[in-house]
């Protein structure tokens, strides 16, 4: 057997063993079956171009969600893009939720 073939066959064997070990680990690992439950969810759609007003819109939407005592906020973003600075400001509004 040439050196190249030997290296390739050893690499295949190593890869096969690695896949087998990973598969066995996944089978033997305890499955997490508990899911967090939420009492109140609020859906916030963002469907237009991202502009300077996004941050104030998000602050109002998040304040409204807090008034509704929402424990889950779903921010659905379907936008063609827009201003980078406005997107950055919007991300800071999301960070303020923590």
C-alpha atoms as a PDB file:
ATOM      1  CA  UNK A   1       0.000   0.000   0.000  1.00  0.00           C
ATOM      2  CA  UNK A   2       1.382   3.426  -0.848  1.00  0.00           C
ATOM      3  CA  UNK A   3       1.858   6.045   1.840  1.00  0.00           C
ATOM      4  CA  UNK A   4      -0.939   8.201   0.435  1.00  0.00           C
ATOM      5  CA  UNK A   5      -3.434   5.338   0.539  1.00  0.00           C
ATOM      6  CA  UNK A   6      -2.384   4.446   4.057  1.00  0.00           C
ATOM      7  CA  UNK A   7      -2.914   8.012   5.235  1.00  0.00           C
ATOM      8  CA  UNK A   8      -6.320   8.190   3.517  1.00  0.00           C
ATOM      9  CA  UNK A   9      -7.471   4.908   5.024  1.00  0.00           C
ATOM     10  CA  UNK A  10      -6.353   5.988   8.489  1.00  0.00           C
ATOM     11  CA  UNK A  11      -8.148   9.304   8.091  1.00  0.00           C
ATOM     12  CA  UNK A  12     -11.346   7.473   7.060  1.00  0.00           C
ATOM     13  CA  UNK A  13     -11.024   5.187  10.049  1.00  0.00           C
ATOM     14  CA  UNK A  14     -10.453   8.121  12.387  1.00  0.00           C
ATOM     15  CA  UNK A  15     -13.419   9.991  10.911  1.00  0.00           C
ATOM     16  CA  UNK A  16     -15.639   6.904  11.207  1.00  0.00           C
ATOM     17  CA  UNK A  17     -14.653   6.408  14.839  1.00  0.00           C
ATOM     18  CA  UNK A  18     -15.300  10.064  15.587  1.00  0.00           C
ATOM     19  CA  UNK A  19     -18.779   9.840  14.019  1.00  0.00           C
ATOM     20  CA  UNK A  20     -19.497   6.670  15.973  1.00  0.00           C
ATOM     21  CA  UNK A  21     -18.428   8.252  19.262  1.00  0.00           C
ATOM     22  CA  UNK A  22     -20.509  11.370  18.583  1.00  0.00           C
ATOM     23  CA  UNK A  23     -23.533   9.262  17.692  1.00  0.00           C
ATOM     24  CA  UNK A  24     -23.218   7.161  20.836  1.00  0.00           C
ATOM     25  CA  UNK A  25     -22.829  10.295  22.940  1.00  0.00           C
ATOM     26  CA  UNK A  26     -26.040  11.721  21.515  1.00  0.00           C
ATOM     27  CA  UNK A  27     -27.899   8.481  22.190  1.00  0.00           C
ATOM     28  CA  UNK A  28     -26.664   8.182  25.745  1.00  0.00           C
ATOM     29  CA  UNK A  29     -27.035  11.833  26.710  1.00  0.00           C
ATOM     30  CA  UNK A  30     -30.197  12.640  28.658  1.00  0.00           C
ATOM     31  CA  UNK A  31     -32.798  14.337  26.522  1.00  0.00           C
ATOM     32  CA  UNK A  32     -34.043  17.675  27.711  1.00  0.00           C
ATOM     33  CA  UNK A  33     -37.821  17.418  27.521  1.00  0.00           C
ATOM     34  CA  UNK A  34     -38.780  20.462  29.544  1.00  0.00           C
ATOM     35  CA  UNK A  35     -39.744  23.552  27.635  1.00  0.00           C
ATOM     36  CA  UNK A  36     -40.190  26.968  29.119  1.00  0.00           C
ATOM     37  CA  UNK A  37     -43.779  28.114  29.130  1.00  0.00           C
ATOM     38  CA  UNK A  38     -44.891  31.685  28.614  1.00  0.00           C
ATOM     39  CA  UNK A  39     -48.092  33.292  29.809  1.00  0.00           C
ATOM     40  CA  UNK A  40     -48.215  36.306  27.490  1.00  0.00           C
ATOM     41  CA  UNK A  41     -46.434  36.850  24.174  1.00  0.00           C
ATOM     42  CA  UNK A  42     -46.312  40.024  22.100  1.00  0.00           C
ATOM     43  CA  UNK A  43     -45.537  40.017  18.367  1.00  0.00           C
ATOM     44  CA  UNK A  44     -43.691  43.090  17.040  1.00  0.00           C
ATOM     45  CA  UNK A  45     -43.455  43.174  13.230  1.00  0.00           C
ATOM     46  CA  UNK A  46     -40.812  45.298  11.490  1.00  0.00           C
ATOM     47  CA  UNK A  47     -41.697  45.213   7.787  1.00  0.00           C
ATOM     48  CA  UNK A  48     -40.417  48.492   6.394  1.00  0.00           C
ATOM     49  CA  UNK A  49     -37.014  49.883   5.526  1.00  0.00           C
ATOM     50  CA  UNK A  50     -34.877  50.476   8.607  1.00  0.00           C
ATOM     51  CA  UNK A  51     -34.757  54.217   9.232  1.00  0.00           C
ATOM     52  CA  UNK A  52     -34.040  56.580  12.119  1.00  0.00           C
ATOM     53  CA  UNK A  53     -37.500  56.091  13.625  1.00  0.00           C
ATOM     54  CA  UNK A  54     -36.863  52.398  14.326  1.00  0.00           C
ATOM     55  CA  UNK A  55     -35.353  52.960  17.765  1.00  0.00           C
ATOM     56  CA  UNK A  56     -38.290  55.036  19.025  1.00  0.00           C
ATOM     57  CA  UNK A  57     -40.744  52.548  17.478  1.00  0.00           C
ATOM     58  CA  UNK A  58     -39.034  49.679  19.304  1.00  0.00           C
ATOM     59  CA  UNK A  59     -38.964  51.581  22.605  1.00  0.00           C
ATOM     60  CA  UNK A  60     -42.718  52.231  22.302  1.00  0.00           C
ATOM     61  CA  UNK A  61     -43.411  48.624  21.311  1.00  0.00           C
ATOM     62  CA  UNK A  62     -41.335  47.238  24.193  1.00  0.00           C
ATOM     63  CA  UNK A  63     -42.993  49.628  26.665  1.00  0.00           C
ATOM     64  CA  UNK A  64     -46.380  48.463  25.401  1.00  0.00           C
ATOM     65  CA  UNK A  65     -45.287  44.835  25.854  1.00  0.00           C
ATOM     66  CA  UNK A  66     -44.257  45.595  29.441  1.00  0.00           C
ATOM     67  CA  UNK A  67     -47.628  47.262  30.113  1.00  0.00           C
ATOM     68  CA  UNK A  68     -49.282  44.089  28.832  1.00  0.00           C
ATOM     69  CA  UNK A  69     -47.038  42.101  31.204  1.00  0.00           C
ATOM     70  CA  UNK A  70     -45.611  40.067  28.356  1.00  0.00           C
ATOM     71  CA  UNK A  71     -42.964  37.551  29.320  1.00  0.00           C
ATOM     72  CA  UNK A  72     -42.066  36.860  25.677  1.00  0.00           C
ATOM     73  CA  UNK A  73     -41.451  39.382  22.895  1.00  0.00           C
ATOM     74  CA  UNK A  74     -41.208  38.117  19.327  1.00  0.00           C
ATOM     75  CA  UNK A  75     -39.468  40.625  17.087  1.00  0.00           C
ATOM     76  CA  UNK A  76     -40.286  39.644  13.493  1.00  0.00           C
ATOM     77  CA  UNK A  77     -37.939  41.481  11.134  1.00  0.00           C
ATOM     78  CA  UNK A  78     -38.729  41.265   7.419  1.00  0.00           C
ATOM     79  CA  UNK A  79     -37.038  44.255   5.862  1.00  0.00           C
ATOM     80  CA  UNK A  80     -35.076  44.975   2.695  1.00  0.00           C
ATOM     81  CA  UNK A  81     -32.441  46.752   4.806  1.00  0.00           C
ATOM     82  CA  UNK A  82     -31.788  50.400   5.420  1.00  0.00           C
ATOM     83  CA  UNK A  83     -29.499  52.651   7.408  1.00  0.00           C
ATOM     84  CA  UNK A  84     -26.720  50.956   9.354  1.00  0.00           C
ATOM     85  CA  UNK A  85     -26.814  53.552  12.153  1.00  0.00           C
ATOM     86  CA  UNK A  86     -30.563  53.045  12.541  1.00  0.00           C
ATOM     87  CA  UNK A  87     -30.099  49.281  12.751  1.00  0.00           C
ATOM     88  CA  UNK A  88     -27.422  49.783  15.396  1.00  0.00           C
ATOM     89  CA  UNK A  89     -29.741  52.046  17.394  1.00  0.00           C
ATOM     90  CA  UNK A  90     -32.472  49.419  17.103  1.00  0.00           C
ATOM     91  CA  UNK A  91     -30.150  46.768  18.470  1.00  0.00           C
ATOM     92  CA  UNK A  92     -29.408  49.004  21.459  1.00  0.00           C
ATOM     93  CA  UNK A  93     -33.144  49.255  22.081  1.00  0.00           C
ATOM     94  CA  UNK A  94     -33.286  45.446  22.145  1.00  0.00           C
ATOM     95  CA  UNK A  95     -30.335  45.332  24.551  1.00  0.00           C
ATOM     96  CA  UNK A  96     -32.184  47.603  26.947  1.00  0.00           C
ATOM     97  CA  UNK A  97     -34.740  44.823  27.548  1.00  0.00           C
ATOM     98  CA  UNK A  98     -32.328  42.859  29.718  1.00  0.00           C
END
